Amino acid sequence: MRRVDRLGRLATRLERDINAMAEAFAVFVQLWFAHTPSIGENEKDAARREAWNQYQKFVEYVATQMAGGHRFIDDLVQDTIADEDELHQAVGNNAD
């Protein structure tokens, strides 16, 4: 039964992490659209090359972050209560 509870908590944390990443991505896309200027036809080739260079830098940065063990989600607040028993114990201690 403990294993099932542990899997349930893991699934809840994974869902929270995915939702946080989805929200961060949505904010990024909104900002990107707000700050990306329109370009003329004669400037598109240069813009594509610059975009590719920026993308390569981004990929290298993400790879470096991941290789170092850093995750964006670690910057967010983490759960501090491990299971239902600990929650009930914490609530019980505050009631006294």
N, C-alpha and C. Protein backbone atom coordinates (compact mmCIF):
# COMPACT_ATOMS: atom_id res chain seq x y z
N MET A 1 0.82 -1.19 0.00
CA MET A 1 0.00 0.00 0.00
C MET A 1 0.87 1.27 0.00
N ARG A 2 2.00 1.21 0.72
CA ARG A 2 2.90 2.37 0.74
C ARG A 2 3.46 2.65 -0.65
N ARG A 3 3.74 1.59 -1.39
CA ARG A 3 4.28 1.77 -2.74
C ARG A 3 3.25 2.47 -3.63
N VAL A 4 1.99 2.10 -3.49
CA VAL A 4 0.94 2.76 -4.27
C VAL A 4 0.84 4.22 -3.88
N ASP A 5 0.90 4.51 -2.56
CA ASP A 5 0.87 5.90 -2.10
C ASP A 5 2.05 6.68 -2.66
N ARG A 6 3.22 6.06 -2.65
CA ARG A 6 4.43 6.72 -3.17
C ARG A 6 4.27 7.00 -4.66
N LEU A 7 3.72 6.04 -5.41
CA LEU A 7 3.50 6.24 -6.84
C LEU A 7 2.48 7.35 -7.08
N GLY A 8 1.47 7.41 -6.24
CA GLY A 8 0.48 8.48 -6.36
C GLY A 8 1.10 9.85 -6.13
N ARG A 9 1.95 9.97 -5.12
CA ARG A 9 2.64 11.24 -4.86
C ARG A 9 3.57 11.59 -6.01
N LEU A 10 4.26 10.58 -6.55
CA LEU A 10 5.14 10.81 -7.69
C LEU A 10 4.35 11.32 -8.89
N ALA A 11 3.20 10.70 -9.15
CA ALA A 11 2.37 11.15 -10.27
C ALA A 11 1.89 12.58 -10.05
N THR A 12 1.55 12.92 -8.82
CA THR A 12 1.12 14.28 -8.51
C THR A 12 2.24 15.28 -8.74
N ARG A 13 3.46 14.93 -8.30
CA ARG A 13 4.61 15.82 -8.52
C ARG A 13 4.92 15.97 -10.00
N LEU A 14 4.83 14.87 -10.75
CA LEU A 14 5.08 14.94 -12.19
C LEU A 14 4.06 15.83 -12.88
N GLU A 15 2.81 15.70 -12.49
CA GLU A 15 1.77 16.55 -13.07
C GLU A 15 2.04 18.02 -12.75
N ARG A 16 2.43 18.31 -11.49
CA ARG A 16 2.75 19.68 -11.11
C ARG A 16 3.92 20.21 -11.92
N ASP A 17 4.96 19.38 -12.09
CA ASP A 17 6.14 19.80 -12.86
C ASP A 17 5.77 20.08 -14.31
N ILE A 18 4.97 19.22 -14.90
CA ILE A 18 4.56 19.42 -16.30
C ILE A 18 3.72 20.67 -16.43
N ASN A 19 2.80 20.89 -15.49
CA ASN A 19 1.99 22.10 -15.54
C ASN A 19 2.84 23.35 -15.39
N ALA A 20 3.84 23.31 -14.53
CA ALA A 20 4.73 24.47 -14.36
C ALA A 20 5.51 24.73 -15.65
N MET A 21 6.01 23.68 -16.26
CA MET A 21 6.75 23.85 -17.53
C MET A 21 5.83 24.37 -18.64
N ALA A 22 4.62 23.86 -18.70
CA ALA A 22 3.67 24.32 -19.72
C ALA A 22 3.35 25.80 -19.52
N GLU A 23 3.16 26.21 -18.29
CA GLU A 23 2.88 27.62 -18.01
C GLU A 23 4.07 28.49 -18.36
N ALA A 24 5.28 28.04 -18.01
CA ALA A 24 6.48 28.80 -18.34
C ALA A 24 6.63 28.92 -19.87
N PHE A 25 6.34 27.86 -20.57
CA PHE A 25 6.42 27.89 -22.03
C PHE A 25 5.38 28.85 -22.61
N ALA A 26 4.18 28.84 -22.06
CA ALA A 26 3.13 29.74 -22.55
C ALA A 26 3.54 31.20 -22.35
N VAL A 27 4.11 31.51 -21.20
CA VAL A 27 4.57 32.88 -20.94
C VAL A 27 5.68 33.26 -21.92
N PHE A 28 6.61 32.32 -22.15
CA PHE A 28 7.69 32.59 -23.09
C PHE A 28 7.14 32.89 -24.49
N VAL A 29 6.20 32.08 -24.96
CA VAL A 29 5.64 32.28 -26.31
C VAL A 29 4.94 33.63 -26.39
N GLN A 30 4.19 34.00 -25.36
CA GLN A 30 3.52 35.30 -25.37
C GLN A 30 4.53 36.44 -25.45
N LEU A 31 5.59 36.34 -24.66
CA LEU A 31 6.63 37.39 -24.70
C LEU A 31 7.36 37.39 -26.03
N TRP A 32 7.60 36.21 -26.57
CA TRP A 32 8.29 36.13 -27.86
C TRP A 32 7.47 36.81 -28.95
N PHE A 33 6.16 36.53 -28.99
CA PHE A 33 5.31 37.17 -29.99
C PHE A 33 5.26 38.69 -29.78
N ALA A 34 5.27 39.11 -28.54
CA ALA A 34 5.17 40.54 -28.25
C ALA A 34 6.44 41.30 -28.64
N HIS A 35 7.59 40.61 -28.61
CA HIS A 35 8.86 41.30 -28.84
C HIS A 35 9.57 40.93 -30.13
N THR A 36 8.95 40.10 -30.96
CA THR A 36 9.57 39.72 -32.22
C THR A 36 9.05 40.63 -33.33
N PRO A 37 9.92 41.43 -33.90
CA PRO A 37 9.47 42.36 -34.94
C PRO A 37 9.23 41.64 -36.27
N SER A 38 8.39 42.25 -37.10
CA SER A 38 8.20 41.76 -38.47
C SER A 38 9.43 42.16 -39.29
N ILE A 39 9.79 41.32 -40.25
CA ILE A 39 10.95 41.65 -41.09
C ILE A 39 10.54 41.60 -42.55
N GLY A 40 11.25 42.37 -43.34
CA GLY A 40 10.98 42.42 -44.76
C GLY A 40 11.55 41.20 -45.47
N GLU A 41 11.07 40.99 -46.70
CA GLU A 41 11.50 39.83 -47.50
C GLU A 41 13.02 39.82 -47.71
N ASN A 42 13.60 40.98 -47.94
CA ASN A 42 15.03 41.05 -48.24
C ASN A 42 15.90 40.77 -47.00
N GLU A 43 15.31 40.79 -45.82
CA GLU A 43 16.07 40.54 -44.59
C GLU A 43 15.86 39.14 -44.01
N LYS A 44 14.99 38.35 -44.63
CA LYS A 44 14.62 37.05 -44.06
C LYS A 44 15.78 36.06 -44.02
N ASP A 45 16.63 36.02 -45.05
CA ASP A 45 17.75 35.07 -45.04
C ASP A 45 18.72 35.37 -43.89
N ALA A 46 19.04 36.64 -43.70
CA ALA A 46 19.93 37.01 -42.60
C ALA A 46 19.27 36.71 -41.26
N ALA A 47 17.97 36.94 -41.17
CA ALA A 47 17.25 36.66 -39.92
C ALA A 47 17.24 35.16 -39.62
N ARG A 48 17.08 34.33 -40.65
CA ARG A 48 17.11 32.87 -40.45
C ARG A 48 18.48 32.40 -39.95
N ARG A 49 19.52 32.95 -40.54
CA ARG A 49 20.87 32.59 -40.09
C ARG A 49 21.10 33.00 -38.64
N GLU A 50 20.69 34.21 -38.30
CA GLU A 50 20.84 34.68 -36.92
C GLU A 50 19.99 33.86 -35.96
N ALA A 51 18.79 33.52 -36.39
CA ALA A 51 17.92 32.68 -35.55
C ALA A 51 18.57 31.31 -35.31
N TRP A 52 19.15 30.74 -36.35
CA TRP A 52 19.82 29.44 -36.20
C TRP A 52 21.00 29.55 -35.23
N ASN A 53 21.78 30.62 -35.34
CA ASN A 53 22.91 30.83 -34.41
C ASN A 53 22.42 30.97 -32.97
N GLN A 54 21.36 31.73 -32.77
CA GLN A 54 20.80 31.90 -31.43
C GLN A 54 20.25 30.57 -30.90
N TYR A 55 19.62 29.80 -31.77
CA TYR A 55 19.08 28.50 -31.37
C TYR A 55 20.21 27.56 -30.93
N GLN A 56 21.31 27.56 -31.67
CA GLN A 56 22.45 26.72 -31.31
C GLN A 56 23.00 27.11 -29.93
N LYS A 57 23.08 28.40 -29.67
CA LYS A 57 23.53 28.86 -28.35
C LYS A 57 22.57 28.41 -27.25
N PHE A 58 21.29 28.48 -27.55
CA PHE A 58 20.27 28.04 -26.60
C PHE A 58 20.41 26.55 -26.30
N VAL A 59 20.58 25.75 -27.33
CA VAL A 59 20.72 24.30 -27.15
C VAL A 59 21.97 23.99 -26.32
N GLU A 60 23.05 24.67 -26.61
CA GLU A 60 24.28 24.47 -25.83
C GLU A 60 24.07 24.84 -24.36
N TYR A 61 23.37 25.94 -24.12
CA TYR A 61 23.11 26.36 -22.75
C TYR A 61 22.26 25.33 -22.01
N VAL A 62 21.19 24.86 -22.65
CA VAL A 62 20.32 23.86 -22.02
C VAL A 62 21.09 22.57 -21.75
N ALA A 63 21.91 22.15 -22.70
CA ALA A 63 22.71 20.94 -22.51
C ALA A 63 23.67 21.11 -21.32
N THR A 64 24.27 22.28 -21.20
CA THR A 64 25.17 22.54 -20.08
C THR A 64 24.42 22.51 -18.76
N GLN A 65 23.24 23.13 -18.72
CA GLN A 65 22.43 23.12 -17.51
C GLN A 65 22.05 21.69 -17.11
N MET A 66 21.62 20.91 -18.07
CA MET A 66 21.19 19.54 -17.78
C MET A 66 22.37 18.66 -17.37
N ALA A 67 23.51 18.87 -18.00
CA ALA A 67 24.69 18.08 -17.65
C ALA A 67 25.14 18.38 -16.23
N GLY A 68 24.90 19.62 -15.78
CA GLY A 68 25.25 20.00 -14.43
C GLY A 68 24.21 19.59 -13.40
N GLY A 69 23.12 18.97 -13.85
CA GLY A 69 22.09 18.51 -12.94
C GLY A 69 21.06 19.57 -12.56
N HIS A 70 21.11 20.73 -13.19
CA HIS A 70 20.16 21.80 -12.87
C HIS A 70 18.88 21.61 -13.66
N ARG A 71 17.74 21.77 -12.97
CA ARG A 71 16.44 21.74 -13.64
C ARG A 71 15.68 22.99 -13.27
N PHE A 72 14.96 23.54 -14.22
CA PHE A 72 14.14 24.73 -13.99
C PHE A 72 13.17 24.50 -12.84
N ILE A 73 12.58 23.35 -12.80
CA ILE A 73 11.56 23.05 -11.80
C ILE A 73 12.14 23.09 -10.39
N ASP A 74 13.45 22.87 -10.25
CA ASP A 74 14.09 22.94 -8.94
C ASP A 74 14.10 24.36 -8.39
N ASP A 75 13.94 25.36 -9.26
CA ASP A 75 13.90 26.74 -8.82
C ASP A 75 12.56 27.11 -8.20
N LEU A 76 11.55 26.29 -8.42
CA LEU A 76 10.23 26.55 -7.88
C LEU A 76 10.09 25.94 -6.49
N VAL A 77 9.07 26.34 -5.78
CA VAL A 77 8.82 25.83 -4.43
C VAL A 77 8.49 24.34 -4.52
N GLN A 78 9.10 23.58 -3.63
CA GLN A 78 8.88 22.14 -3.60
C GLN A 78 7.95 21.78 -2.44
N ASP A 79 7.29 20.61 -2.56
CA ASP A 79 6.45 20.11 -1.47
C ASP A 79 7.33 19.80 -0.27
N THR A 80 6.81 20.06 0.92
CA THR A 80 7.58 19.77 2.12
C THR A 80 6.95 18.65 2.93
N ILE A 81 5.72 18.29 2.65
CA ILE A 81 5.05 17.22 3.40
C ILE A 81 5.17 15.94 2.59
N ALA A 82 5.71 14.89 3.21
CA ALA A 82 6.03 13.66 2.49
C ALA A 82 4.81 12.78 2.25
N ASP A 83 3.91 12.66 3.22
CA ASP A 83 2.77 11.77 3.04
C ASP A 83 1.61 12.21 3.93
N GLU A 84 0.48 11.51 3.83
CA GLU A 84 -0.71 11.85 4.58
C GLU A 84 -0.48 11.77 6.09
N ASP A 85 0.27 10.75 6.55
CA ASP A 85 0.55 10.62 7.99
C ASP A 85 1.28 11.85 8.52
N GLU A 86 2.27 12.31 7.76
CA GLU A 86 3.02 13.50 8.19
C GLU A 86 2.12 14.73 8.19
N LEU A 87 1.20 14.82 7.22
CA LEU A 87 0.26 15.93 7.17
C LEU A 87 -0.63 15.92 8.40
N HIS A 88 -1.20 14.76 8.73
CA HIS A 88 -2.07 14.65 9.90
C HIS A 88 -1.31 14.96 11.19
N GLN A 89 -0.08 14.52 11.25
CA GLN A 89 0.76 14.79 12.43
C GLN A 89 1.01 16.30 12.55
N ALA A 90 1.33 16.95 11.45
CA ALA A 90 1.59 18.39 11.47
C ALA A 90 0.35 19.15 11.87
N VAL A 91 -0.80 18.77 11.34
CA VAL A 91 -2.06 19.44 11.68
C VAL A 91 -2.40 19.18 13.14
N GLY A 92 -2.17 17.96 13.61
CA GLY A 92 -2.45 17.62 15.01
C GLY A 92 -1.59 18.42 15.96
N ASN A 93 -0.33 18.63 15.62
CA ASN A 93 0.57 19.40 16.48
C ASN A 93 0.16 20.86 16.56
N ASN A 94 -0.38 21.40 15.48
CA ASN A 94 -0.80 22.80 15.47
C ASN A 94 -2.09 23.00 16.24
N ALA A 95 -2.90 21.96 16.38
CA ALA A 95 -4.18 22.07 17.08
C ALA A 95 -3.97 22.15 18.59
N ASP A 96 -2.82 21.66 19.09
CA ASP A 96 -2.56 21.64 20.54
C ASP A 96 -2.24 22.95 21.09
